[in-house]
C-alpha atoms as a PDB file:
ATOM      1  CA  MET A   1      -0.327   0.199  -0.230  1.00  0.00           C
ATOM      2  CA  ARG A   2       1.049   3.473  -0.659  1.00  0.00           C
ATOM      3  CA  SER A   3       2.671   5.973   2.567  1.00  0.00           C
ATOM      4  CA  THR A   4       0.109   7.685   4.142  1.00  0.00           C
ATOM      5  CA  THR A   5       0.055  11.636   2.805  1.00  0.00           C
ATOM      6  CA  PRO A   6      -0.400  14.626   5.407  1.00  0.00           C
ATOM      7  CA  SER A   7      -3.711  15.536   4.675  1.00  0.00           C
ATOM      8  CA  LEU A   8      -4.250  11.306   5.021  1.00  0.00           C
ATOM      9  CA  LEU A   9      -2.387  11.400   8.406  1.00  0.00           C
ATOM     10  CA  LEU A  10      -4.865  14.207   9.642  1.00  0.00           C
ATOM     11  CA  VAL A  11      -8.014  12.619   8.995  1.00  0.00           C
ATOM     12  CA  ILE A  12      -6.733   8.929  10.814  1.00  0.00           C
ATOM     13  CA  VAL A  13      -5.724  11.361  13.672  1.00  0.00           C
ATOM     14  CA  CYS A  14      -9.452  13.098  13.329  1.00  0.00           C
ATOM     15  CA  LEU A  15     -10.519   9.316  13.269  1.00  0.00           C
ATOM     16  CA  LEU A  16      -8.760   7.804  16.469  1.00  0.00           C
ATOM     17  CA  ALA A  17     -10.170  10.701  18.507  1.00  0.00           C
ATOM     18  CA  VAL A  18     -14.208   9.528  17.441  1.00  0.00           C
ATOM     19  CA  PRO A  19     -15.452   7.826  19.745  1.00  0.00           C
ATOM     20  CA  GLY A  20     -17.291   4.753  19.878  1.00  0.00           C
ATOM     21  CA  VAL A  21     -15.229   3.921  16.367  1.00  0.00           C
ATOM     22  CA  SER A  22     -15.374  -0.056  15.480  1.00  0.00           C
ATOM     23  CA  PHE A  23     -12.481  -1.840  14.412  1.00  0.00           C
ATOM     24  CA  GLY A  24     -13.675  -4.975  13.650  1.00  0.00           C
ATOM     25  CA  GLN A  25     -16.081  -7.690  14.474  1.00  0.00           C
ATOM     26  CA  SER A  26     -16.200 -11.107  15.162  1.00  0.00           C
ATOM     27  CA  ASP A  27     -17.779 -13.323  12.530  1.00  0.00           C
ATOM     28  CA  SER A  28     -21.313 -13.025  14.688  1.00  0.00           C
ATOM     29  CA  GLU A  29     -20.995  -9.387  15.170  1.00  0.00           C
ATOM     30  CA  ARG A  30     -20.434  -8.406  11.531  1.00  0.00           C
ATOM     31  CA  ILE A  31     -23.485  -7.077   9.888  1.00  0.00           C
ATOM     32  CA  ARG A  32     -24.866  -8.687   7.493  1.00  0.00           C
ATOM     33  CA  VAL A  33     -26.016  -6.431   4.234  1.00  0.00           C
ATOM     34  CA  ILE A  34     -27.070  -6.487   0.716  1.00  0.00           C
ATOM     35  CA  LEU A  35     -26.772  -2.972  -0.844  1.00  0.00           C
ATOM     36  CA  ASP A  36     -29.404  -1.847  -3.648  1.00  0.00           C
ATOM     37  CA  THR A  37     -28.235   0.391  -5.910  1.00  0.00           C
ATOM     38  CA  ASP A  38     -28.219   2.460  -9.445  1.00  0.00           C
ATOM     39  CA  ALA A  39     -24.644   2.079  -9.662  1.00  0.00           C
ATOM     40  CA  ASN A  40     -24.432   4.582 -12.886  1.00  0.00           C
ATOM     41  CA  ASN A  41     -26.406   7.421 -11.961  1.00  0.00           C
ATOM     42  CA  GLU A  42     -23.371   9.932 -10.945  1.00  0.00           C
ATOM     43  CA  LEU A  43     -20.308   9.028  -8.848  1.00  0.00           C
ATOM     44  CA  ASP A  44     -21.502   8.212  -4.828  1.00  0.00           C
ATOM     45  CA  ASP A  45     -22.923   4.904  -5.537  1.00  0.00           C
ATOM     46  CA  GLN A  46     -18.963   3.236  -7.031  1.00  0.00           C
ATOM     47  CA  HIS A  47     -17.801   4.948  -3.004  1.00  0.00           C
ATOM     48  CA  ALA A  48     -20.529   3.825  -1.731  1.00  0.00           C
ATOM     49  CA  ILE A  49     -19.640   0.065  -3.079  1.00  0.00           C
ATOM     50  CA  ALA A  50     -15.689   0.650  -2.006  1.00  0.00           C
ATOM     51  CA  TYR A  51     -16.481   1.623   1.270  1.00  0.00           C
ATOM     52  CA  LEU A  52     -18.583  -0.893   2.003  1.00  0.00           C
ATOM     53  CA  LEU A  53     -16.744  -3.746   0.186  1.00  0.00           C
ATOM     54  CA  PHE A  54     -13.183  -2.223   2.208  1.00  0.00           C
ATOM     55  CA  ASN A  55     -14.889  -2.910   5.782  1.00  0.00           C
ATOM     56  CA  GLY A  56     -15.039  -6.824   5.298  1.00  0.00           C
ATOM     57  CA  ASP A  57     -14.098  -7.062   9.187  1.00  0.00           C
ATOM     58  CA  VAL A  58     -17.902  -4.995   9.861  1.00  0.00           C
ATOM     59  CA  PHE A  59     -19.256  -6.404   7.203  1.00  0.00           C
ATOM     60  CA  ASP A  60     -20.642  -9.762   5.520  1.00  0.00           C
ATOM     61  CA  VAL A  61     -21.615  -8.407   1.727  1.00  0.00           C
ATOM     62  CA  GLU A  62     -23.775 -10.689   1.026  1.00  0.00           C
ATOM     63  CA  ALA A  63     -24.789  -9.202  -2.719  1.00  0.00           C
ATOM     64  CA  ILE A  64     -24.938  -5.499  -5.135  1.00  0.00           C
ATOM     65  CA  THR A  65     -28.024  -5.402  -6.242  1.00  0.00           C
ATOM     66  CA  VAL A  66     -29.107  -3.089  -8.842  1.00  0.00           C
ATOM     67  CA  ASN A  67     -31.633  -1.032 -10.166  1.00  0.00           C
ATOM     68  CA  ARG A  68     -32.671   1.954 -12.534  1.00  0.00           C
ATOM     69  CA  THR A  69     -33.741   5.039 -12.128  1.00  0.00           C
ATOM     70  CA  ARG A  70     -34.045   7.965 -14.577  1.00  0.00           C
ATOM     71  CA  ALA A  71     -30.251   9.306 -14.935  1.00  0.00           C
ATOM     72  CA  GLY A  72     -27.683   6.551 -16.294  1.00  0.00           C
ATOM     73  CA  GLY A  73     -29.164   4.879 -19.008  1.00  0.00           C
ATOM     74  CA  GLY A  74     -30.736   1.209 -19.128  1.00  0.00           C
ATOM     75  CA  VAL A  75     -30.496  -0.994 -15.784  1.00  0.00           C
ATOM     76  CA  ASP A  76     -27.288  -2.954 -17.530  1.00  0.00           C
ATOM     77  CA  GLN A  77     -25.798   0.051 -17.754  1.00  0.00           C
ATOM     78  CA  HIS A  78     -26.408  -0.241 -13.682  1.00  0.00           C
ATOM     79  CA  LEU A  79     -25.173  -3.628 -13.461  1.00  0.00           C
ATOM     80  CA  ALA A  80     -22.001  -3.170 -15.512  1.00  0.00           C
ATOM     81  CA  GLU A  81     -20.884  -0.112 -13.181  1.00  0.00           C
ATOM     82  CA  ALA A  82     -21.444  -1.916 -10.636  1.00  0.00           C
ATOM     83  CA  GLN A  83     -19.574  -5.089 -11.735  1.00  0.00           C
ATOM     84  CA  ARG A  84     -16.786  -2.666 -12.658  1.00  0.00           C
ATOM     85  CA  VAL A  85     -16.807  -1.719  -9.035  1.00  0.00           C
ATOM     86  CA  VAL A  86     -16.577  -4.895  -8.053  1.00  0.00           C
ATOM     87  CA  ARG A  87     -13.571  -5.765 -10.081  1.00  0.00           C
ATOM     88  CA  LEU A  88     -11.914  -2.702  -9.082  1.00  0.00           C
ATOM     89  CA  CYS A  89     -11.929  -3.747  -5.003  1.00  0.00           C
ATOM     90  CA  GLY A  90     -10.244  -7.038  -6.075  1.00  0.00           C
ATOM     91  CA  LEU A  91     -13.383  -9.152  -5.650  1.00  0.00           C
ATOM     92  CA  ASP A  92     -14.385  -9.960  -8.972  1.00  0.00           C
ATOM     93  CA  SER A  93     -16.524 -13.669  -8.435  1.00  0.00           C
ATOM     94  CA  LYS A  94     -16.886 -13.338  -5.507  1.00  0.00           C
ATOM     95  CA  ILE A  95     -19.592 -11.197  -4.450  1.00  0.00           C
ATOM     96  CA  PRO A  96     -22.360 -11.314  -5.977  1.00  0.00           C
ATOM     97  CA  VAL A  97     -23.753  -8.796  -8.768  1.00  0.00           C
ATOM     98  CA  LEU A  98     -27.344  -8.829  -9.616  1.00  0.00           C
ATOM     99  CA  LEU A  99     -29.882  -7.307 -11.740  1.00  0.00           C
ATOM    100  CA  GLY A 100     -33.013  -5.924 -10.343  1.00  0.00           C
ATOM    101  CA  ALA A 101     -35.830  -3.790 -11.422  1.00  0.00           C
ATOM    102  CA  ASP A 102     -35.802  -1.792 -14.554  1.00  0.00           C
ATOM    103  CA  LYS A 103     -39.525  -0.489 -14.141  1.00  0.00           C
ATOM    104  CA  SER A 104     -41.717   0.615 -11.376  1.00  0.00           C
ATOM    105  CA  PHE A 105     -43.106  -0.582  -8.322  1.00  0.00           C
ATOM    106  CA  GLU A 106     -46.514  -0.475  -9.090  1.00  0.00           C
ATOM    107  CA  GLU A 107     -45.555  -1.817 -13.396  1.00  0.00           C
ATOM    108  CA  ILE A 108     -44.159  -5.140 -11.527  1.00  0.00           C
ATOM    109  CA  ARG A 109     -46.554  -5.839  -8.738  1.00  0.00           C
ATOM    110  CA  GLY A 110     -48.896  -7.403 -10.423  1.00  0.00           C
ATOM    111  CA  GLN A 111     -46.446  -9.931 -12.258  1.00  0.00           C
ATOM    112  CA  LEU A 112     -44.306 -10.790  -8.581  1.00  0.00           C
ATOM    113  CA  ASP A 113     -46.253 -14.548  -9.439  1.00  0.00           C
ATOM    114  CA  GLN A 114     -44.251 -14.895 -13.117  1.00  0.00           C
ATOM    115  CA  GLY A 115     -40.898 -16.394 -12.826  1.00  0.00           C
ATOM    116  CA  ASP A 116     -39.457 -14.101 -14.744  1.00  0.00           C
ATOM    117  CA  PHE A 117     -41.377 -10.705 -13.959  1.00  0.00           C
ATOM    118  CA  ASP A 118     -38.534  -7.395 -13.738  1.00  0.00           C
ATOM    119  CA  GLY A 119     -36.408  -7.389 -10.997  1.00  0.00           C
ATOM    120  CA  ALA A 120     -36.628 -11.266 -10.354  1.00  0.00           C
ATOM    121  CA  GLU A 121     -33.035 -11.691 -10.024  1.00  0.00           C
ATOM    122  CA  ALA A 122     -31.916  -9.719  -7.103  1.00  0.00           C
ATOM    123  CA  VAL A 123     -35.721  -9.853  -5.696  1.00  0.00           C
ATOM    124  CA  ASN A 124     -35.538 -13.576  -5.729  1.00  0.00           C
ATOM    125  CA  PHE A 125     -32.358 -13.518  -3.840  1.00  0.00           C
ATOM    126  CA  ILE A 126     -33.302 -10.811  -1.102  1.00  0.00           C
ATOM    127  CA  ILE A 127     -35.722 -13.114  -0.233  1.00  0.00           C
ATOM    128  CA  GLN A 128     -33.644 -16.316  -0.309  1.00  0.00           C
ATOM    129  CA  ARG A 129     -31.114 -14.433   1.867  1.00  0.00           C
ATOM    130  CA  ALA A 130     -33.316 -13.101   4.700  1.00  0.00           C
ATOM    131  CA  LYS A 131     -34.794 -16.317   5.165  1.00  0.00           C
ATOM    132  CA  ALA A 132     -31.007 -18.029   5.316  1.00  0.00           C
ATOM    133  CA  ALA A 133     -30.211 -19.693   8.956  1.00  0.00           C
ATOM    134  CA  ASP A 134     -28.881 -16.903  10.611  1.00  0.00           C
ATOM    135  CA  ASP A 135     -29.489 -15.323  14.256  1.00  0.00           C
ATOM    136  CA  ARG A 136     -28.782 -12.108  12.413  1.00  0.00           C
ATOM    137  CA  ARG A 137     -30.730  -9.575  10.903  1.00  0.00           C
ATOM    138  CA  LEU A 138     -30.004  -9.052   7.048  1.00  0.00           C
ATOM    139  CA  VAL A 139     -29.798  -5.166   6.724  1.00  0.00           C
ATOM    140  CA  LEU A 140     -30.912  -4.168   3.276  1.00  0.00           C
ATOM    141  CA  LEU A 141     -28.829  -0.609   2.406  1.00  0.00           C
ATOM    142  CA  PRO A 142     -31.389   0.586  -0.974  1.00  0.00           C
ATOM    143  CA  VAL A 143     -29.149   3.900  -2.183  1.00  0.00           C
ATOM    144  CA  GLY A 144     -31.266   4.663  -4.927  1.00  0.00           C
ATOM    145  CA  LYS A 145     -35.275   3.718  -5.368  1.00  0.00           C
ATOM    146  CA  LEU A 146     -36.890   1.231  -3.355  1.00  0.00           C
ATOM    147  CA  THR A 147     -38.757  -0.435  -6.001  1.00  0.00           C
ATOM    148  CA  ASN A 148     -36.223  -4.193  -5.393  1.00  0.00           C
ATOM    149  CA  ILE A 149     -37.005  -3.357  -1.694  1.00  0.00           C
ATOM    150  CA  ALA A 150     -40.765  -3.031  -1.726  1.00  0.00           C
ATOM    151  CA  LEU A 151     -40.759  -5.994  -3.958  1.00  0.00           C
ATOM    152  CA  ALA A 152     -39.480  -8.259  -1.746  1.00  0.00           C
ATOM    153  CA  LEU A 153     -41.743  -7.194   0.921  1.00  0.00           C
ATOM    154  CA  ALA A 154     -44.997  -7.839  -1.236  1.00  0.00           C
ATOM    155  CA  LYS A 155     -43.779 -11.042  -2.721  1.00  0.00           C
ATOM    156  CA  GLU A 156     -43.038 -12.187   0.490  1.00  0.00           C
ATOM    157  CA  PRO A 157     -44.491 -10.473   3.427  1.00  0.00           C
ATOM    158  CA  SER A 158     -42.746 -13.321   5.996  1.00  0.00           C
ATOM    159  CA  ILE A 159     -39.536 -11.798   5.836  1.00  0.00           C
ATOM    160  CA  ILE A 160     -40.413  -8.042   6.936  1.00  0.00           C
ATOM    161  CA  PRO A 161     -39.626  -9.086  10.840  1.00  0.00           C
ATOM    162  CA  LYS A 162     -36.182 -11.032   9.175  1.00  0.00           C
ATOM    163  CA  VAL A 163     -35.059  -7.700   7.956  1.00  0.00           C
ATOM    164  CA  ARG A 164     -34.067  -3.966   8.648  1.00  0.00           C
ATOM    165  CA  VAL A 165     -34.287  -1.398   5.837  1.00  0.00           C
ATOM    166  CA  VAL A 166     -32.054   1.482   5.554  1.00  0.00           C
ATOM    167  CA  TRP A 167     -32.635   4.073   2.496  1.00  0.00           C
ATOM    168  CA  LEU A 168     -30.745   6.722   1.122  1.00  0.00           C
ATOM    169  CA  GLY A 169     -33.396   9.475   0.118  1.00  0.00           C
ATOM    170  CA  SER A 170     -35.609  12.300   1.258  1.00  0.00           C
ATOM    171  CA  ASN A 171     -35.310  15.766   2.313  1.00  0.00           C
ATOM    172  CA  TYR A 172     -37.775  15.038   4.205  1.00  0.00           C
ATOM    173  CA  PRO A 173     -39.758  17.355   5.840  1.00  0.00           C
ATOM    174  CA  LYS A 174     -39.709  19.154   2.222  1.00  0.00           C
ATOM    175  CA  ARG A 175     -40.628  18.115  -0.740  1.00  0.00           C
ATOM    176  CA  GLY A 176     -38.631  16.294  -3.741  1.00  0.00           C
ATOM    177  CA  GLU A 177     -35.177  14.371  -3.458  1.00  0.00           C
ATOM    178  CA  TYR A 178     -34.354  11.924  -6.747  1.00  0.00           C
ATOM    179  CA  ASN A 179     -34.262   8.742  -5.186  1.00  0.00           C
ATOM    180  CA  LYS A 180     -37.694   9.247  -3.808  1.00  0.00           C
ATOM    181  CA  GLU A 181     -38.681  10.941  -6.858  1.00  0.00           C
ATOM    182  CA  ASN A 182     -38.308   7.712  -8.938  1.00  0.00           C
ATOM    183  CA  ASP A 183     -40.834   5.849  -7.079  1.00  0.00           C
ATOM    184  CA  VAL A 184     -43.131   7.526  -4.748  1.00  0.00           C
ATOM    185  CA  PRO A 185     -45.286   4.124  -4.556  1.00  0.00           C
ATOM    186  CA  SER A 186     -42.461   1.995  -3.266  1.00  0.00           C
ATOM    187  CA  LEU A 187     -41.826   4.259  -0.041  1.00  0.00           C
ATOM    188  CA  ASN A 188     -45.310   4.267   0.631  1.00  0.00           C
ATOM    189  CA  TYR A 189     -45.582   0.463   0.700  1.00  0.00           C
ATOM    190  CA  ILE A 190     -42.852   0.243   2.580  1.00  0.00           C
ATOM    191  CA  LEU A 191     -43.978   2.821   5.026  1.00  0.00           C
ATOM    192  CA  GLU A 192     -47.786   1.663   5.343  1.00  0.00           C
ATOM    193  CA  THR A 193     -45.437  -2.265   6.211  1.00  0.00           C
ATOM    194  CA  GLU A 194     -44.480  -3.708   9.945  1.00  0.00           C
ATOM    195  CA  VAL A 195     -40.486  -3.589   8.416  1.00  0.00           C
ATOM    196  CA  GLU A 196     -37.860  -1.954  10.410  1.00  0.00           C
ATOM    197  CA  PHE A 197     -37.738   1.417   7.926  1.00  0.00           C
ATOM    198  CA  GLU A 198     -34.819   4.169   8.606  1.00  0.00           C
ATOM    199  CA  ILE A 199     -33.973   7.052   6.291  1.00  0.00           C
ATOM    200  CA  ALA A 200     -30.505   8.842   5.935  1.00  0.00           C
ATOM    201  CA  THR A 201     -32.050  12.095   4.645  1.00  0.00           C
ATOM    202  CA  VAL A 202     -30.328  13.945   2.150  1.00  0.00           C
ATOM    203  CA  ARG A 203     -31.304  17.600   2.247  1.00  0.00           C
ATOM    204  CA  TYR A 204     -29.712  19.024  -0.407  1.00  0.00           C
ATOM    205  CA  GLY A 205     -28.025  22.230   0.415  1.00  0.00           C
ATOM    206  CA  GLN A 206     -28.537  22.278   4.134  1.00  0.00           C
ATOM    207  CA  PRO A 207     -25.855  20.893   6.858  1.00  0.00           C
ATOM    208  CA  SER A 208     -27.880  18.086   8.438  1.00  0.00           C
ATOM    209  CA  GLY A 209     -28.523  15.664   5.528  1.00  0.00           C
ATOM    210  CA  THR A 210     -26.164  13.088   4.145  1.00  0.00           C
ATOM    211  CA  ASP A 211     -25.550  16.376   1.192  1.00  0.00           C
ATOM    212  CA  ALA A 212     -22.902  17.791   3.975  1.00  0.00           C
ATOM    213  CA  VAL A 213     -20.357  14.849   3.501  1.00  0.00           C
ATOM    214  CA  ARG A 214     -18.539  15.629   0.442  1.00  0.00           C
ATOM    215  CA  ALA A 215     -15.383  15.358  -1.201  1.00  0.00           C
ATOM    216  CA  THR A 216     -13.467  17.910  -2.898  1.00  0.00           C
ATOM    217  CA  LEU A 217     -11.486  17.389  -6.451  1.00  0.00           C
ATOM    218  CA  GLN A 218      -8.321  18.673  -4.438  1.00  0.00           C
ATOM    219  CA  GLU A 219      -8.984  15.966  -1.810  1.00  0.00           C
ATOM    220  CA  ILE A 220      -9.351  13.775  -4.326  1.00  0.00           C
ATOM    221  CA  ARG A 221      -6.545  14.008  -5.945  1.00  0.00           C
ATOM    222  CA  GLN A 222      -4.505  14.260  -3.211  1.00  0.00           C
ATOM    223  CA  ILE A 223      -5.797  10.978  -1.130  1.00  0.00           C
ATOM    224  CA  MET A 224      -7.358   9.125  -3.712  1.00  0.00           C
ATOM    225  CA  PRO A 225      -4.290   7.708  -6.560  1.00  0.00           C
ATOM    226  CA  GLY A 226      -3.576   4.133  -5.942  1.00  0.00           C
ATOM    227  CA  GLN A 227      -5.818   3.206  -3.383  1.00  0.00           C
ATOM    228  CA  GLY A 228      -7.302   0.172  -2.811  1.00  0.00           C
ATOM    229  CA  PRO A 229      -5.991  -3.510  -4.344  1.00  0.00           C
ATOM    230  CA  LYS A 230      -4.281  -3.894  -7.640  1.00  0.00           C
ATOM    231  CA  VAL A 231      -5.890  -5.608 -10.090  1.00  0.00           C
ATOM    232  CA  SER A 232      -4.813  -7.490 -13.469  1.00  0.00           C
ATOM    233  CA  PRO A 233      -6.381  -6.976 -15.800  1.00  0.00           C
ATOM    234  CA  PRO A 234      -6.886  -3.299 -15.727  1.00  0.00           C
ATOM    235  CA  VAL A 235     -10.619  -2.328 -16.003  1.00  0.00           C
ATOM    236  CA  THR A 236     -12.338  -0.144 -18.278  1.00  0.00           C
ATOM    237  CA  GLY A 237     -13.760   3.102 -16.487  1.00  0.00           C
ATOM    238  CA  ARG A 238     -17.249   4.598 -17.413  1.00  0.00           C
ATOM    239  CA  HIS A 239     -15.527   7.622 -19.070  1.00  0.00           C
ATOM    240  CA  GLY A 240     -12.751   5.893 -20.433  1.00  0.00           C
ATOM    241  CA  GLY A 241      -9.248   5.115 -19.711  1.00  0.00           C
ATOM    242  CA  GLU A 242      -7.824   1.750 -18.147  1.00  0.00           C
ATOM    243  CA  PHE A 243      -7.597   1.581 -14.230  1.00  0.00           C
ATOM    244  CA  SER A 244      -5.838  -0.723 -11.530  1.00  0.00           C
ATOM    245  CA  THR A 245      -6.873   0.499  -8.627  1.00  0.00           C
ATOM    246  CA  PHE A 246     -10.204   1.812  -7.292  1.00  0.00           C
ATOM    247  CA  GLY A 247      -8.276   5.025  -6.198  1.00  0.00           C
ATOM    248  CA  ASP A 248      -7.763   5.974  -9.755  1.00  0.00           C
ATOM    249  CA  TYR A 249     -11.116   5.468 -10.491  1.00  0.00           C
ATOM    250  CA  SER A 250     -12.506   8.019  -8.361  1.00  0.00           C
ATOM    251  CA  VAL A 251      -9.895  10.434  -9.303  1.00  0.00           C
ATOM    252  CA  SER A 252     -11.439  10.235 -13.337  1.00  0.00           C
ATOM    253  CA  LEU A 253     -15.797   9.808 -11.670  1.00  0.00           C
ATOM    254  CA  PHE A 254     -14.136  13.280 -10.256  1.00  0.00           C
ATOM    255  CA  GLU A 255     -12.730  14.628 -12.969  1.00  0.00           C
ATOM    256  CA  ASN A 256     -16.111  13.908 -15.427  1.00  0.00           C
ATOM    257  CA  ILE A 257     -18.875  15.323 -13.045  1.00  0.00           C
ATOM    258  CA  ARG A 258     -20.109  18.717 -12.505  1.00  0.00           C
ATOM    259  CA  LEU A 259     -19.042  19.658  -9.497  1.00  0.00           C
ATOM    260  CA  HIS A 260     -21.072  22.496  -6.782  1.00  0.00           C
ATOM    261  CA  GLY A 261     -20.566  24.735  -4.088  1.00  0.00           C
ATOM    262  CA  ASP A 262     -17.294  26.908  -2.558  1.00  0.00           C
ATOM    263  CA  PRO A 263     -15.228  25.157  -2.789  1.00  0.00           C
ATOM    264  CA  PRO A 264     -16.181  23.007  -6.006  1.00  0.00           C
ATOM    265  CA  SER A 265     -17.113  19.520  -4.130  1.00  0.00           C
ATOM    266  CA  ARG A 266     -19.172  16.719  -4.404  1.00  0.00           C
ATOM    267  CA  ALA A 267     -21.685  14.750  -2.100  1.00  0.00           C
ATOM    268  CA  LEU A 268     -20.687  10.976  -0.774  1.00  0.00           C
ATOM    269  CA  PHE A 269     -24.632  10.722  -0.021  1.00  0.00           C
ATOM    270  CA  ASP A 270     -24.622   6.570  -0.517  1.00  0.00           C
ATOM    271  CA  MET A 271     -21.058   6.176   1.105  1.00  0.00           C
ATOM    272  CA  ALA A 272     -22.502   7.939   4.194  1.00  0.00           C
ATOM    273  CA  ALA A 273     -25.857   5.444   4.728  1.00  0.00           C
ATOM    274  CA  VAL A 274     -23.425   2.632   4.884  1.00  0.00           C
ATOM    275  CA  ALA A 275     -20.786   4.758   7.364  1.00  0.00           C
ATOM    276  CA  ILE A 276     -23.954   5.527  10.072  1.00  0.00           C
ATOM    277  CA  VAL A 277     -24.952   1.553   9.565  1.00  0.00           C
ATOM    278  CA  LYS A 278     -21.194   0.697  10.073  1.00  0.00           C
ATOM    279  CA  ASN A 279     -21.252   3.589  13.192  1.00  0.00           C
ATOM    280  CA  PRO A 280     -24.414   4.923  14.569  1.00  0.00           C
ATOM    281  CA  ALA A 281     -22.907   7.405  16.649  1.00  0.00           C
ATOM    282  CA  TRP A 282     -21.350   8.878  13.267  1.00  0.00           C
ATOM    283  CA  ALA A 283     -25.485  10.414  12.811  1.00  0.00           C
ATOM    284  CA  THR A 284     -28.293  11.581  14.832  1.00  0.00           C
ATOM    285  CA  ALA A 285     -31.024   8.690  14.780  1.00  0.00           C
ATOM    286  CA  VAL A 286     -34.569  10.423  15.531  1.00  0.00           C
ATOM    287  CA  PRO A 287     -38.344   8.133  16.268  1.00  0.00           C
ATOM    288  CA  MET A 288     -40.972   9.062  14.547  1.00  0.00           C
ATOM    289  CA  PRO A 289     -44.502   8.067  13.916  1.00  0.00           C
ATOM    290  CA  ALA A 290     -44.236   6.989  10.132  1.00  0.00           C
ATOM    291  CA  PRO A 291     -45.816  10.096   7.523  1.00  0.00           C
ATOM    292  CA  ILE A 292     -47.324   9.444   3.954  1.00  0.00           C
ATOM    293  CA  LEU A 293     -46.868  11.233   0.842  1.00  0.00           C
ATOM    294  CA  ARG A 294     -49.497  12.422  -0.600  1.00  0.00           C
ATOM    295  CA  ASP A 295     -49.252  14.896  -3.655  1.00  0.00           C
ATOM    296  CA  GLY A 296     -45.260  15.659  -3.186  1.00  0.00           C
ATOM    297  CA  GLN A 297     -46.201  16.479  -0.101  1.00  0.00           C
ATOM    298  CA  TRP A 298     -44.816  14.638   3.587  1.00  0.00           C
ATOM    299  CA  THR A 299     -48.317  14.289   5.295  1.00  0.00           C
ATOM    300  CA  GLU A 300     -47.479  14.016   9.498  1.00  0.00           C
ATOM    301  CA  ARG A 301     -49.784  10.873  10.871  1.00  0.00           C
ATOM    302  CA  PRO A 302     -48.794  11.688  14.964  1.00  0.00           C
ATOM    303  CA  ASP A 303     -51.191   9.130  16.078  1.00  0.00           C
ATOM    304  CA  ASN A 304     -49.655   6.805  14.080  1.00  0.00           C
ATOM    305  CA  PRO A 305     -48.171   3.546  15.807  1.00  0.00           C
ATOM    306  CA  ARG A 306     -45.855   2.573  13.018  1.00  0.00           C
ATOM    307  CA  LYS A 307     -42.742   4.235  13.456  1.00  0.00           C
ATOM    308  CA  ILE A 308     -39.519   4.391  11.573  1.00  0.00           C
ATOM    309  CA  ILE A 309     -36.119   6.357  12.017  1.00  0.00           C
ATOM    310  CA  LEU A 310     -34.709   9.158  10.721  1.00  0.00           C
ATOM    311  CA  TRP A 311     -31.393   9.917  10.550  1.00  0.00           C
ATOM    312  CA  GLU A 312     -29.809  13.133   9.967  1.00  0.00           C
ATOM    313  CA  ASN A 313     -26.841  15.820  11.403  1.00  0.00           C
ATOM    314  CA  PHE A 314     -24.178  13.536  10.024  1.00  0.00           C
ATOM    315  CA  ASP A 315     -20.497  14.199  11.184  1.00  0.00           C
ATOM    316  CA  ARG A 316     -18.658  14.906   8.049  1.00  0.00           C
ATOM    317  CA  GLN A 317     -15.143  14.584   9.306  1.00  0.00           C
ATOM    318  CA  ALA A 318     -15.469  11.279  11.264  1.00  0.00           C
ATOM    319  CA  ILE A 319     -17.422   9.866   7.711  1.00  0.00           C
ATOM    320  CA  MET A 320     -14.812  11.041   5.420  1.00  0.00           C
ATOM    321  CA  ALA A 321     -12.230  10.210   8.064  1.00  0.00           C
ATOM    322  CA  ASP A 322     -12.931   6.488   8.222  1.00  0.00           C
ATOM    323  CA  PHE A 323     -13.688   6.747   4.100  1.00  0.00           C
ATOM    324  CA  TYR A 324     -10.161   8.033   3.495  1.00  0.00           C
ATOM    325  CA  ASP A 325      -8.445   5.457   6.380  1.00  0.00           C
ATOM    326  CA  ARG A 326     -10.351   2.526   5.052  1.00  0.00           C
ATOM    327  CA  MET A 327      -9.409   2.963   1.349  1.00  0.00           C
ATOM    328  CA  GLU A 328      -5.498   2.491   1.806  1.00  0.00           C
ATOM    329  CA  ASN A 329      -6.531   0.103   5.532  1.00  0.00           C
ATOM    330  CA  TYR A 330      -9.142  -1.877   3.721  1.00  0.00           C
ATOM    331  CA  GLN A 331      -9.782  -5.568   4.667  1.00  0.00           C
ATOM    332  CA  LEU A 332     -12.066  -6.825   1.617  1.00  0.00           C
ATOM    333  CA  ALA A 333     -15.237  -8.131   2.548  1.00  0.00           C
ATOM    334  CA  SER A 334     -16.940 -11.596   1.779  1.00  0.00           C
ATOM    335  CA  PRO A 335     -19.814 -13.117   1.383  1.00  0.00           C
ATOM    336  CA  PRO A 336     -20.858 -16.088   4.130  1.00  0.00           C
ATOM    337  CA  PRO A 337     -19.872 -19.557   2.977  1.00  0.00           C
ATOM    338  CA  ASP A 338     -23.634 -20.152   1.936  1.00  0.00           C
ATOM    339  CA  VAL A 339     -23.649 -17.787  -0.995  1.00  0.00           C
ATOM    340  CA  HIS A 340     -21.576 -17.832  -4.205  1.00  0.00           C
ATOM    341  CA  PRO A 341     -21.440 -15.688  -6.782  1.00  0.00           C
ATOM    342  CA  THR A 342     -23.007 -17.051  -9.579  1.00  0.00           C
ATOM    343  CA  GLN A 343     -26.143 -16.839  -7.680  1.00  0.00           C
ATOM    344  CA  PRO A 344     -28.938 -16.951  -7.565  1.00  0.00           C
END
């Protein structure tokens, strides 16, 4: 691995000062997780995948499942991007990457009794893994639309007590947000179930949501080159070029996207959602009665006995410190022994 840069030393020192940081779990303590992603949408999905896969002492990664949102091309392009990142993390042929929904929840729901419904590969795998003989609850971590998750719950409601859903989405309590708007009925369906449901808020332009967890191009260029395992043969990036490490690909992703703010930067929304599953001390959990979305607006239901968790006030310094540390001091993830990369 590369020698540590001065900036990376600084963030690692900050990390060591953060209470509650976990530096590894026993087999029985690792968190079972399936990450569900629209991987080709922008660049936060790719960083979330790499961060998850580089925390193998914390997570048992059972699969990466994909879906299509309105940006990033067809669902096959989202699949290809997820596969590209898994290869760059040195885990090709080890972590399953599965095709999920192209269309929306309402378009697919009536076809769940058909063997080849849209999203069947990912949805059936989610159900299968939720039913696995394991005392640990399976964390479903959707960082795009909620279609695959809602379809799994609708197809097999018996998995509801066996999973925890942590979704990156919404500007709650305000309107809007990309992931939410891509499939509102899937969100409302989940809000009406009894599944354990948590929302890692986005809140564009606000300091309290994952939008505050940002990286500048200068940081990425200084810290990320060469980070992660070196793979061979090299991987062709979505913007062209050949890459042998995820760190080099990270630089390419940042150089080929529009940056915002002062200084110019990009939010790593999805990576922040993975981070608070790893360490809940890096955000504030607010229990609340489950609201519902009507005509694009949140409708509060204060008497609703069904409770959800809202995550806000993300600790940007601690999350980014751990991210950069794991890029250098990675521990590669693996699936449980009963999961194989060729499944389902």
